[in-house]
N, C-alpha and C. Protein backbone atom coordinates (compact mmCIF):
# COMPACT_ATOMS: atom_id res chain seq x y z
N UNK A 1 44.26 9.97 52.47
CA UNK A 1 44.75 8.99 51.58
C UNK A 1 43.50 8.29 51.03
N UNK A 2 42.41 8.22 51.73
CA UNK A 2 41.09 7.66 51.26
C UNK A 2 40.56 8.37 50.29
N UNK A 3 40.68 9.72 50.02
CA UNK A 3 40.17 10.60 49.03
C UNK A 3 40.91 10.18 47.78
N UNK A 4 42.16 9.94 47.76
CA UNK A 4 43.00 9.56 46.75
C UNK A 4 42.39 8.24 46.16
N UNK A 5 42.21 7.31 46.89
CA UNK A 5 41.70 5.86 46.49
C UNK A 5 40.29 6.16 45.90
N UNK A 6 39.51 6.87 46.50
CA UNK A 6 38.18 7.14 45.89
C UNK A 6 38.36 7.77 44.52
N UNK A 7 39.09 8.81 44.35
CA UNK A 7 39.41 9.37 43.10
C UNK A 7 39.79 8.42 42.00
N UNK A 8 40.72 7.54 42.48
CA UNK A 8 41.30 6.46 41.47
C UNK A 8 40.36 5.44 41.05
N UNK A 9 39.37 5.06 42.20
CA UNK A 9 38.19 4.13 41.83
C UNK A 9 37.24 4.79 40.89
N UNK A 10 36.95 6.03 41.17
CA UNK A 10 36.09 6.63 40.27
C UNK A 10 36.40 6.74 38.83
N UNK A 11 37.91 7.04 38.72
CA UNK A 11 38.43 7.14 37.32
C UNK A 11 38.30 5.68 36.68
N UNK A 12 38.48 4.68 37.35
CA UNK A 12 38.37 3.25 36.84
C UNK A 12 36.84 3.12 36.46
N UNK A 13 35.96 3.45 37.40
CA UNK A 13 34.53 3.33 37.06
C UNK A 13 34.18 4.06 35.82
N UNK A 14 34.61 5.36 35.88
CA UNK A 14 34.23 6.15 34.72
C UNK A 14 34.75 5.43 33.42
N UNK A 15 36.03 4.98 33.30
CA UNK A 15 36.60 4.25 32.17
C UNK A 15 35.72 3.15 31.82
N UNK A 16 35.25 2.33 32.76
CA UNK A 16 34.53 1.00 32.50
C UNK A 16 33.14 1.51 31.94
N UNK A 17 32.56 2.48 32.54
CA UNK A 17 31.23 2.91 32.05
C UNK A 17 31.28 3.45 30.61
N UNK A 18 32.42 4.23 30.31
CA UNK A 18 32.61 4.58 28.92
C UNK A 18 32.73 3.63 28.05
N UNK A 19 33.60 2.60 28.28
CA UNK A 19 33.81 1.47 27.50
C UNK A 19 32.57 0.61 27.32
N UNK A 20 31.86 0.57 28.44
CA UNK A 20 30.51 -0.25 28.20
C UNK A 20 29.58 0.44 27.25
N UNK A 21 29.34 1.81 27.40
CA UNK A 21 28.68 2.48 26.64
C UNK A 21 29.05 2.53 25.07
N UNK A 22 30.34 2.54 24.93
CA UNK A 22 30.77 2.46 23.66
C UNK A 22 30.46 1.07 22.94
N UNK A 23 30.66 0.06 23.75
CA UNK A 23 30.29 -1.40 23.33
C UNK A 23 28.74 -1.40 22.90
N UNK A 24 27.99 -0.81 23.78
CA UNK A 24 26.53 -0.82 23.64
C UNK A 24 25.95 -0.12 22.31
N UNK A 25 26.79 1.12 22.18
CA UNK A 25 26.54 1.88 20.94
C UNK A 25 26.65 1.00 19.69
N UNK A 26 27.75 0.36 19.73
CA UNK A 26 28.13 -0.47 18.60
C UNK A 26 27.13 -1.58 18.37
N UNK A 27 26.58 -2.13 19.52
CA UNK A 27 25.74 -3.09 19.31
C UNK A 27 24.30 -2.73 18.76
N UNK A 28 23.96 -1.40 19.28
CA UNK A 28 22.85 -0.84 18.90
C UNK A 28 22.79 -0.59 17.26
N UNK A 29 23.93 -0.06 16.88
CA UNK A 29 24.13 0.21 15.44
C UNK A 29 24.03 -0.93 14.66
N UNK A 30 24.72 -2.01 15.09
CA UNK A 30 24.65 -3.49 14.48
C UNK A 30 23.25 -3.93 14.44
N UNK A 31 22.54 -3.89 15.47
CA UNK A 31 21.06 -4.36 15.53
C UNK A 31 20.25 -3.62 14.42
N UNK A 32 20.43 -2.24 14.61
CA UNK A 32 19.63 -1.46 13.66
C UNK A 32 19.90 -1.67 12.21
N UNK A 33 21.21 -2.03 11.88
CA UNK A 33 21.45 -2.33 10.52
C UNK A 33 20.85 -3.64 10.17
N UNK A 34 21.10 -4.67 11.04
CA UNK A 34 20.38 -5.94 10.71
C UNK A 34 18.89 -5.95 10.59
N UNK A 35 18.22 -5.11 11.36
CA UNK A 35 16.83 -4.93 11.26
C UNK A 35 16.44 -4.22 9.82
N UNK A 36 17.24 -3.32 9.58
CA UNK A 36 17.03 -2.61 8.36
C UNK A 36 17.21 -3.60 7.04
N UNK A 37 18.24 -4.34 7.16
CA UNK A 37 18.41 -5.46 6.01
C UNK A 37 17.35 -6.40 6.09
N UNK A 38 16.97 -6.80 7.28
CA UNK A 38 15.69 -7.83 7.36
C UNK A 38 14.56 -7.31 6.79
N UNK A 39 14.27 -5.99 7.28
CA UNK A 39 13.05 -5.39 6.61
C UNK A 39 13.08 -5.19 5.13
N UNK A 40 14.26 -4.92 4.43
CA UNK A 40 14.33 -4.94 2.98
C UNK A 40 14.20 -6.45 2.42
N UNK A 41 14.79 -7.30 3.07
CA UNK A 41 14.64 -8.69 2.51
C UNK A 41 13.16 -9.18 2.68
N UNK A 42 12.47 -8.89 3.65
CA UNK A 42 11.16 -9.22 3.98
C UNK A 42 10.16 -8.54 2.86
N UNK A 43 10.59 -7.23 2.46
CA UNK A 43 9.85 -6.53 1.60
C UNK A 43 10.06 -7.25 0.17
N UNK A 44 11.17 -7.49 -0.20
CA UNK A 44 11.49 -8.24 -1.57
C UNK A 44 10.72 -9.62 -1.54
N UNK A 45 10.79 -10.41 -0.40
CA UNK A 45 10.17 -11.60 -0.34
C UNK A 45 8.73 -11.38 -0.47
N UNK A 46 7.98 -10.48 0.23
CA UNK A 46 6.62 -10.26 0.20
C UNK A 46 6.27 -9.85 -1.35
N UNK A 47 7.16 -9.12 -1.93
CA UNK A 47 6.98 -8.51 -3.27
C UNK A 47 7.02 -9.76 -4.33
N UNK A 48 7.28 -10.82 -3.97
CA UNK A 48 7.39 -12.04 -4.89
C UNK A 48 5.98 -12.70 -4.80
N UNK A 49 5.00 -12.15 -4.10
CA UNK A 49 3.59 -12.78 -4.04
C UNK A 49 2.85 -12.36 -5.37
N UNK A 50 1.96 -13.25 -5.68
CA UNK A 50 1.06 -13.01 -6.89
C UNK A 50 0.26 -11.73 -6.62
N UNK A 51 -0.08 -11.07 -7.71
CA UNK A 51 -0.86 -9.75 -7.56
C UNK A 51 -2.30 -9.94 -6.96
N UNK A 52 -2.79 -11.32 -6.89
CA UNK A 52 -3.93 -11.61 -6.13
C UNK A 52 -4.01 -11.32 -4.81
N UNK A 53 -2.77 -11.13 -4.26
CA UNK A 53 -2.51 -10.90 -2.76
C UNK A 53 -3.08 -9.42 -2.35
N UNK A 54 -3.11 -8.64 -3.47
CA UNK A 54 -3.47 -7.33 -3.16
C UNK A 54 -5.01 -7.10 -2.96
N UNK A 55 -5.66 -8.09 -3.31
CA UNK A 55 -7.20 -8.10 -3.32
C UNK A 55 -7.75 -6.88 -4.26
N UNK A 56 -7.29 -6.77 -5.32
CA UNK A 56 -7.58 -5.74 -6.22
C UNK A 56 -9.02 -6.04 -6.76
N UNK A 57 -9.69 -5.07 -7.26
CA UNK A 57 -10.90 -5.36 -7.99
C UNK A 57 -10.63 -6.17 -9.27
N UNK A 58 -11.41 -7.12 -9.72
CA UNK A 58 -11.33 -8.04 -10.68
C UNK A 58 -10.89 -7.32 -12.02
N UNK A 59 -11.43 -6.27 -12.35
CA UNK A 59 -11.07 -5.44 -13.52
C UNK A 59 -9.58 -5.04 -13.56
N UNK A 60 -9.10 -4.42 -12.49
CA UNK A 60 -7.83 -4.15 -12.31
C UNK A 60 -6.76 -5.17 -12.43
N UNK A 61 -7.27 -6.32 -11.77
CA UNK A 61 -6.38 -7.57 -11.74
C UNK A 61 -6.27 -8.03 -13.24
N UNK A 62 -7.37 -8.15 -13.90
CA UNK A 62 -7.49 -8.77 -15.16
C UNK A 62 -6.61 -7.85 -16.18
N UNK A 63 -6.56 -6.52 -15.96
CA UNK A 63 -5.83 -5.61 -16.83
C UNK A 63 -4.31 -5.87 -16.56
N UNK A 64 -3.93 -6.10 -15.31
CA UNK A 64 -2.59 -6.24 -14.95
C UNK A 64 -2.07 -7.58 -15.56
N UNK A 65 -2.91 -8.60 -15.33
CA UNK A 65 -2.59 -10.04 -15.94
C UNK A 65 -2.48 -9.97 -17.42
N UNK A 66 -3.44 -9.28 -18.17
CA UNK A 66 -3.24 -9.12 -19.61
C UNK A 66 -2.01 -8.37 -20.08
N UNK A 67 -1.43 -7.56 -19.19
CA UNK A 67 -0.32 -6.75 -19.51
C UNK A 67 0.98 -7.50 -19.13
N UNK A 68 0.80 -8.79 -18.49
CA UNK A 68 1.90 -9.61 -18.22
C UNK A 68 2.51 -9.44 -16.79
N UNK A 69 1.71 -8.67 -15.97
CA UNK A 69 2.06 -8.38 -14.62
C UNK A 69 1.61 -9.39 -13.69
N UNK A 70 2.34 -10.35 -13.27
CA UNK A 70 1.71 -11.44 -12.46
C UNK A 70 2.18 -11.51 -10.96
N UNK A 71 3.25 -10.77 -10.67
CA UNK A 71 3.72 -10.68 -9.29
C UNK A 71 3.77 -9.27 -8.90
N UNK A 72 3.80 -9.03 -7.61
CA UNK A 72 3.88 -7.67 -7.08
C UNK A 72 5.10 -6.93 -7.44
N UNK A 73 6.16 -7.61 -7.49
CA UNK A 73 7.51 -7.02 -7.87
C UNK A 73 7.41 -6.69 -9.37
N UNK A 74 6.61 -7.26 -10.13
CA UNK A 74 6.48 -6.74 -11.56
C UNK A 74 5.83 -5.31 -11.55
N UNK A 75 5.21 -4.97 -10.59
CA UNK A 75 4.65 -3.62 -10.60
C UNK A 75 5.53 -2.54 -10.16
N UNK A 76 6.69 -2.86 -9.80
CA UNK A 76 7.74 -1.78 -9.29
C UNK A 76 8.07 -0.81 -10.38
N UNK A 77 8.38 -1.30 -11.50
CA UNK A 77 8.98 -0.56 -12.55
C UNK A 77 7.87 -0.23 -13.73
N UNK A 78 6.70 -0.53 -13.35
CA UNK A 78 5.69 -0.45 -14.47
C UNK A 78 5.07 0.93 -14.69
N UNK A 79 4.87 1.39 -15.79
CA UNK A 79 4.10 2.77 -16.01
C UNK A 79 2.69 2.34 -16.16
N UNK A 80 1.98 2.61 -15.20
CA UNK A 80 0.59 2.11 -15.14
C UNK A 80 -0.30 2.83 -16.28
N UNK A 81 0.22 3.89 -16.73
CA UNK A 81 -0.55 4.58 -17.78
C UNK A 81 -0.55 3.87 -19.15
N UNK A 82 0.39 2.93 -19.31
CA UNK A 82 0.62 2.17 -20.43
C UNK A 82 -0.14 0.90 -20.41
N UNK A 83 -0.75 0.50 -19.24
CA UNK A 83 -1.57 -0.66 -18.99
C UNK A 83 -2.94 -0.34 -19.60
N UNK A 84 -3.37 -1.07 -20.63
CA UNK A 84 -4.64 -1.05 -21.22
C UNK A 84 -5.76 -1.46 -20.18
N UNK A 85 -6.69 -0.52 -20.05
CA UNK A 85 -7.82 -0.81 -19.07
C UNK A 85 -7.72 -0.22 -17.75
N UNK A 86 -6.48 0.41 -17.60
CA UNK A 86 -6.41 1.26 -16.31
C UNK A 86 -6.34 2.77 -16.70
N UNK A 87 -7.43 3.39 -15.95
CA UNK A 87 -7.58 4.83 -16.13
C UNK A 87 -6.98 5.57 -14.76
N UNK A 88 -7.24 6.77 -14.64
CA UNK A 88 -6.86 7.56 -13.51
C UNK A 88 -7.32 6.92 -12.22
N UNK A 89 -8.66 6.68 -12.23
CA UNK A 89 -9.35 6.07 -11.04
C UNK A 89 -8.77 4.72 -10.68
N UNK A 90 -8.58 3.95 -11.70
CA UNK A 90 -8.10 2.60 -11.33
C UNK A 90 -6.68 2.61 -10.96
N UNK A 91 -6.02 3.43 -11.40
CA UNK A 91 -4.48 3.51 -11.04
C UNK A 91 -4.51 4.05 -9.60
N UNK A 92 -5.39 4.91 -9.33
CA UNK A 92 -5.45 5.41 -7.85
C UNK A 92 -5.79 4.26 -6.84
N UNK A 93 -6.67 3.44 -7.30
CA UNK A 93 -7.11 2.19 -6.55
C UNK A 93 -5.88 1.31 -6.25
N UNK A 94 -5.21 1.06 -7.48
CA UNK A 94 -4.12 0.15 -7.41
C UNK A 94 -3.04 0.60 -6.57
N UNK A 95 -2.55 1.88 -6.69
CA UNK A 95 -1.54 2.52 -5.76
C UNK A 95 -2.06 2.43 -4.35
N UNK A 96 -3.34 2.64 -4.10
CA UNK A 96 -3.74 2.64 -2.75
C UNK A 96 -3.77 1.22 -2.06
N UNK A 97 -3.88 0.20 -2.94
CA UNK A 97 -3.74 -1.25 -2.42
C UNK A 97 -2.31 -1.45 -2.28
N UNK A 98 -1.40 -0.90 -3.19
CA UNK A 98 -0.10 -1.25 -2.93
C UNK A 98 0.58 -0.53 -1.56
N UNK A 99 0.02 0.63 -1.37
CA UNK A 99 0.35 1.36 -0.21
C UNK A 99 -0.10 0.65 1.07
N UNK A 100 -1.26 0.04 1.11
CA UNK A 100 -1.63 -0.75 2.10
C UNK A 100 -0.94 -2.09 2.42
N UNK A 101 -0.56 -2.71 1.25
CA UNK A 101 0.16 -3.87 1.33
C UNK A 101 1.55 -3.61 1.92
N UNK A 102 2.29 -2.54 1.55
CA UNK A 102 3.54 -2.42 1.95
C UNK A 102 3.50 -1.58 3.30
N UNK A 103 2.50 -1.07 3.70
CA UNK A 103 2.54 -0.51 5.13
C UNK A 103 2.29 -1.69 6.27
N UNK A 104 1.82 -2.77 5.71
CA UNK A 104 1.74 -3.89 6.60
C UNK A 104 3.09 -4.71 6.84
N UNK A 105 4.11 -4.34 6.05
CA UNK A 105 5.43 -5.12 6.27
C UNK A 105 6.20 -4.48 7.19
């Protein structure tokens, strides 16, 4: 009779463990989604910073300002080849600074 009781207890324990793992999976998914949302929000908030935050060389910063690009988010949809005063090397420096900035987020 004790073997039957142990088997019934084991079934209950397995069921409880399964339910616990299922709840934990849902919590993990929710936390991951919230962190992803938070990361995106943080990136947008950081992108609202002035371009001076990028510590660009003065020549590049002045070219961007003259083109009307004053905030980091202004750079997102910009075709840098159309910015007067930016050549291949300066565009490379600019994208490198942007990469460094966003890798810190």
